[in-house]
Amino acid sequence: MSGESLAILYHLGAAWLAGSLIGLERSFHGRPAGFRTHALVCAASALLMIVSTNQWQWLDTSIPESTIRTDPTRMAQGIMTGIGFLGAGVIFKEGLNVHGLTTAASIWITSVLGILFGVGFWLPAVVATLSTLLTLSLFRWVEQHLPSEYYADHVLSYATERAPNEEQVRELIAQHGCMVKSMSYSLGEHGAVYRYHMVLQTKDRHNLARLARHLRHGTQGLLEFRLSPAGE
């Protein structure tokens, strides 16, 4: 096997390994795009760059090299455009929650790693792989321990004739350490159900659980409630 063939195998194998390691972290946390997806994305990006940077091995040898100008960066641009569609497929919004942003970002950087390994840019490729693994694993713990404000989408549905007024609802929320940032109102079920739709803010996520426990036991006229903490 020639030296060029071995170099191609090294590039492709390193890209597959980097994508697999990042994918394992995503699979461990139950993300929809996990081990196989990241391994394939990284390997495919590397393959496309290898094809671009080694094209004189498959172009017609009778064509003089001086007559053709190639630009491998155009292949990289095409890869990043395609990855944008793949990343968008794992992002969805539910109330205040936007899910899949981190997974989309990991797919994006995995494709970049494939490009780097594909062209043999070893130092930034290895450093970026380690940095990505560190970010996805260690920074999760850091985020959980940083002081922060927490938000939640909250809906209260009451029988119309027994619905409390807005002041009473705000007082109930405040008793559990939460603050109403915005509130809207709606009447449904042909006037039988009155709903308060709120965005809540708190500095302690456990306050949301306390509020949910209180509502679970039911209050006068409460038919149902929804409490959806924001976050990925």
Protein backbone atom coordinates (compact mmCIF):
# COMPACT_ATOMS: atom_id res chain seq x y z
CA MET A 1 0.00 0.00 0.00
CA SER A 2 1.39 3.39 -1.00
CA GLY A 3 2.13 6.20 1.40
CA GLU A 4 -0.70 8.29 -0.08
CA SER A 5 -3.20 5.49 0.53
CA LEU A 6 -2.05 5.11 4.13
CA ALA A 7 -2.40 8.86 4.67
CA ILE A 8 -5.97 8.74 3.35
CA LEU A 9 -6.79 5.89 5.72
CA TYR A 10 -5.29 7.78 8.65
CA HIS A 11 -7.34 10.88 7.85
CA LEU A 12 -10.54 8.93 7.39
CA GLY A 13 -10.00 6.77 10.49
CA ALA A 14 -9.22 9.78 12.68
CA ALA A 15 -12.36 11.55 11.46
CA TRP A 16 -14.50 8.48 12.14
CA LEU A 17 -13.00 8.14 15.63
CA ALA A 18 -13.57 11.81 16.49
CA GLY A 19 -17.18 11.69 15.30
CA SER A 20 -17.78 8.46 17.21
CA LEU A 21 -16.48 9.91 20.48
CA ILE A 22 -18.72 12.96 20.22
CA GLY A 23 -21.65 10.76 19.19
CA LEU A 24 -21.14 8.50 22.20
CA GLU A 25 -21.60 11.49 24.51
CA ARG A 26 -24.80 12.45 22.70
CA SER A 27 -26.12 8.87 22.77
CA PHE A 28 -25.35 8.57 26.48
CA HIS A 29 -27.63 11.54 27.14
CA GLY A 30 -30.41 10.15 24.95
CA ARG A 31 -30.17 12.65 22.09
CA PRO A 32 -31.86 11.81 18.77
CA ALA A 33 -28.65 12.33 16.78
CA GLY A 34 -26.15 10.10 18.55
CA PHE A 35 -23.28 7.72 17.93
CA ARG A 36 -24.02 6.64 14.36
CA THR A 37 -25.13 10.07 13.14
CA HIS A 38 -22.00 11.88 14.34
CA ALA A 39 -19.67 9.14 13.12
CA LEU A 40 -21.23 9.25 9.66
CA VAL A 41 -21.23 13.06 9.49
CA CYS A 42 -17.56 13.31 10.42
CA ALA A 43 -16.51 10.48 8.10
CA ALA A 44 -18.55 11.88 5.20
CA SER A 45 -17.04 15.34 5.62
CA ALA A 46 -13.55 13.83 5.66
CA LEU A 47 -14.29 11.75 2.57
CA LEU A 48 -15.49 14.75 0.60
CA MET A 49 -12.40 16.75 1.53
CA ILE A 50 -10.14 13.81 0.66
CA VAL A 51 -11.83 13.59 -2.73
CA SER A 52 -11.30 17.32 -3.21
CA THR A 53 -7.64 17.43 -2.12
CA ASN A 54 -6.66 14.25 -3.96
CA GLN A 55 -8.63 14.80 -7.14
CA TRP A 56 -5.59 14.36 -9.40
CA GLN A 57 -5.74 10.67 -8.51
CA TRP A 58 -9.14 10.31 -10.18
CA LEU A 59 -9.12 13.05 -12.82
CA ASP A 60 -8.12 12.23 -16.38
CA THR A 61 -4.32 12.10 -16.25
CA SER A 62 -4.14 13.31 -19.84
CA ILE A 63 -5.37 16.75 -18.70
CA PRO A 64 -2.42 18.98 -17.74
CA GLU A 65 -2.63 20.15 -14.13
CA SER A 66 -1.80 23.68 -15.19
CA THR A 67 -5.06 23.94 -17.16
CA ILE A 68 -7.35 23.28 -14.18
CA ARG A 69 -7.59 25.36 -11.04
CA THR A 70 -9.22 23.73 -8.04
CA ASP A 71 -10.41 25.22 -4.75
CA PRO A 72 -11.00 22.71 -1.92
CA THR A 73 -12.62 25.44 0.19
CA ARG A 74 -15.64 25.31 -2.12
CA MET A 75 -16.16 21.70 -1.07
CA ALA A 76 -16.00 22.79 2.58
CA GLN A 77 -18.63 25.45 1.91
CA GLY A 78 -20.88 22.85 0.32
CA ILE A 79 -20.47 20.53 3.31
CA MET A 80 -21.44 23.28 5.75
CA THR A 81 -24.51 24.15 3.68
CA GLY A 82 -25.69 20.55 3.72
CA ILE A 83 -25.06 20.20 7.45
CA GLY A 84 -27.34 23.19 8.03
CA PHE A 85 -30.31 21.15 6.81
CA LEU A 86 -29.35 18.17 8.98
CA GLY A 87 -28.91 20.36 12.06
CA ALA A 88 -32.25 22.08 11.52
CA GLY A 89 -33.94 18.68 11.54
CA VAL A 90 -33.11 18.04 15.20
CA ILE A 91 -34.33 21.43 16.48
CA PHE A 92 -37.94 21.85 17.56
CA LYS A 93 -39.82 24.31 19.75
CA GLU A 94 -42.37 23.45 22.43
CA GLY A 95 -43.72 26.43 24.35
CA LEU A 96 -40.73 28.25 25.79
CA ASN A 97 -38.54 25.19 25.26
CA VAL A 98 -36.24 24.93 22.27
CA HIS A 99 -34.91 21.38 22.01
CA GLY A 100 -31.96 20.12 20.00
CA LEU A 101 -29.80 23.23 19.80
CA THR A 102 -26.79 21.56 21.43
CA THR A 103 -27.19 18.46 19.27
CA ALA A 104 -27.38 20.64 16.14
CA ALA A 105 -24.24 22.48 17.24
CA SER A 106 -22.45 19.18 17.87
CA ILE A 107 -23.38 17.97 14.38
CA TRP A 108 -22.07 21.23 12.95
CA ILE A 109 -18.70 21.06 14.69
CA THR A 110 -18.44 17.33 13.90
CA SER A 111 -18.66 18.19 10.21
CA VAL A 112 -15.93 20.80 10.71
CA LEU A 113 -13.76 18.18 12.40
CA GLY A 114 -14.27 15.91 9.42
CA ILE A 115 -13.05 18.69 7.12
CA LEU A 116 -9.96 19.26 9.27
CA PHE A 117 -9.10 15.56 9.47
CA GLY A 118 -9.85 15.16 5.78
CA VAL A 119 -7.22 17.70 4.77
CA GLY A 120 -4.76 16.52 7.43
CA PHE A 121 -4.87 19.64 9.60
CA TRP A 122 -4.03 17.53 12.64
CA LEU A 123 -3.32 20.01 15.43
CA PRO A 124 -6.56 22.04 15.29
CA ALA A 125 -8.52 18.86 14.55
CA VAL A 126 -7.29 17.04 17.67
CA VAL A 127 -7.56 20.13 19.89
CA ALA A 128 -11.09 20.83 18.63
CA THR A 129 -12.14 17.21 19.24
CA LEU A 130 -10.94 17.31 22.84
CA SER A 131 -12.48 20.75 23.36
CA THR A 132 -15.82 19.55 22.01
CA LEU A 133 -15.87 16.52 24.30
CA LEU A 134 -14.94 18.73 27.25
CA THR A 135 -17.66 21.24 26.40
CA LEU A 136 -20.40 18.63 26.04
CA SER A 137 -19.50 16.78 29.24
CA LEU A 138 -17.93 19.14 31.77
CA PHE A 139 -19.84 22.28 30.82
CA ARG A 140 -23.12 20.47 31.47
CA TRP A 141 -22.10 20.21 35.13
CA VAL A 142 -20.96 23.86 35.16
CA GLU A 143 -24.32 25.03 33.78
CA GLN A 144 -26.20 23.14 36.45
CA HIS A 145 -24.22 24.83 39.25
CA LEU A 146 -24.15 28.38 37.94
CA PRO A 147 -26.55 30.87 39.56
CA SER A 148 -29.27 31.52 37.06
CA GLU A 149 -32.84 32.61 36.48
CA TYR A 150 -35.32 29.96 35.40
CA TYR A 151 -38.40 30.42 33.27
CA ALA A 152 -41.49 28.30 32.72
CA ASP A 153 -44.57 28.30 30.53
CA HIS A 154 -47.59 28.02 32.81
CA VAL A 155 -51.28 27.51 32.01
CA LEU A 156 -54.12 27.35 34.54
CA SER A 157 -57.58 26.25 33.40
CA TYR A 158 -60.61 26.95 35.62
CA ALA A 159 -64.30 26.40 35.40
CA THR A 160 -65.44 29.87 34.30
CA GLU A 161 -67.87 30.44 37.14
CA ARG A 162 -65.25 29.51 39.74
CA ALA A 163 -62.15 31.14 38.22
CA PRO A 164 -60.17 33.35 40.65
CA ASN A 165 -59.31 36.90 39.66
CA GLU A 166 -55.86 37.89 38.40
CA GLU A 167 -54.70 39.21 41.79
CA GLN A 168 -55.42 35.87 43.42
CA VAL A 169 -53.52 34.00 40.72
CA ARG A 170 -50.51 36.31 41.06
CA GLU A 171 -50.58 35.87 44.82
CA LEU A 172 -50.60 32.08 44.45
CA ILE A 173 -47.58 32.27 42.14
CA ALA A 174 -45.71 34.64 44.46
CA GLN A 175 -46.28 32.34 47.46
CA HIS A 176 -44.13 29.75 45.71
CA GLY A 177 -41.22 32.08 44.98
CA CYS A 178 -42.12 32.78 41.36
CA MET A 179 -42.90 35.98 39.50
CA VAL A 180 -45.28 36.43 36.58
CA LYS A 181 -43.38 38.03 33.69
CA SER A 182 -46.33 38.10 31.31
CA MET A 183 -49.94 36.94 31.34
CA SER A 184 -52.63 36.38 28.74
CA TYR A 185 -56.23 35.23 29.04
CA SER A 186 -58.55 33.04 27.01
CA LEU A 187 -62.04 31.61 27.17
CA GLY A 188 -62.65 28.15 25.74
CA GLU A 189 -65.03 25.21 25.55
CA HIS A 190 -67.91 27.52 24.57
CA GLY A 191 -67.31 29.70 27.59
CA ALA A 192 -67.06 26.86 30.12
CA VAL A 193 -63.29 27.13 30.69
CA TYR A 194 -61.26 30.24 31.55
CA ARG A 195 -57.47 30.06 31.11
CA TYR A 196 -54.54 32.07 32.41
CA HIS A 197 -51.43 31.67 30.26
CA MET A 198 -48.26 32.93 31.98
CA VAL A 199 -44.50 33.06 31.72
CA LEU A 200 -42.97 32.55 35.16
CA GLN A 201 -39.55 33.55 36.44
CA THR A 202 -37.76 32.20 39.52
CA LYS A 203 -34.23 32.01 40.88
CA ASP A 204 -34.68 28.49 42.25
CA ARG A 205 -35.88 25.73 39.93
CA HIS A 206 -37.26 23.85 42.93
CA ASN A 207 -39.91 26.56 43.30
CA LEU A 208 -41.49 25.28 40.10
CA ALA A 209 -41.73 21.78 41.55
CA ARG A 210 -43.26 23.17 44.73
CA LEU A 211 -45.87 25.04 42.71
CA ALA A 212 -46.66 21.91 40.70
CA ARG A 213 -47.12 19.86 43.89
CA HIS A 214 -49.51 22.46 45.26
CA LEU A 215 -51.56 22.54 42.07
CA ARG A 216 -51.58 18.75 41.83
CA HIS A 217 -53.72 18.53 44.96
CA GLY A 218 -56.18 20.87 43.30
CA THR A 219 -57.48 24.32 44.13
CA GLN A 220 -61.01 25.61 43.95
CA GLY A 221 -62.33 25.46 40.40
CA LEU A 222 -59.02 24.27 38.88
CA LEU A 223 -59.64 21.84 36.03
CA GLU A 224 -56.08 21.35 34.77
CA PHE A 225 -52.68 23.00 34.65
CA ARG A 226 -49.49 22.87 32.61
CA LEU A 227 -46.08 23.87 33.88
CA SER A 228 -43.24 23.53 31.38
CA PRO A 229 -39.77 24.72 32.50
CA ALA A 230 -37.78 26.34 29.73
CA GLY A 231 -34.56 24.76 28.59
CA GLU A 232 -33.19 22.33 26.05
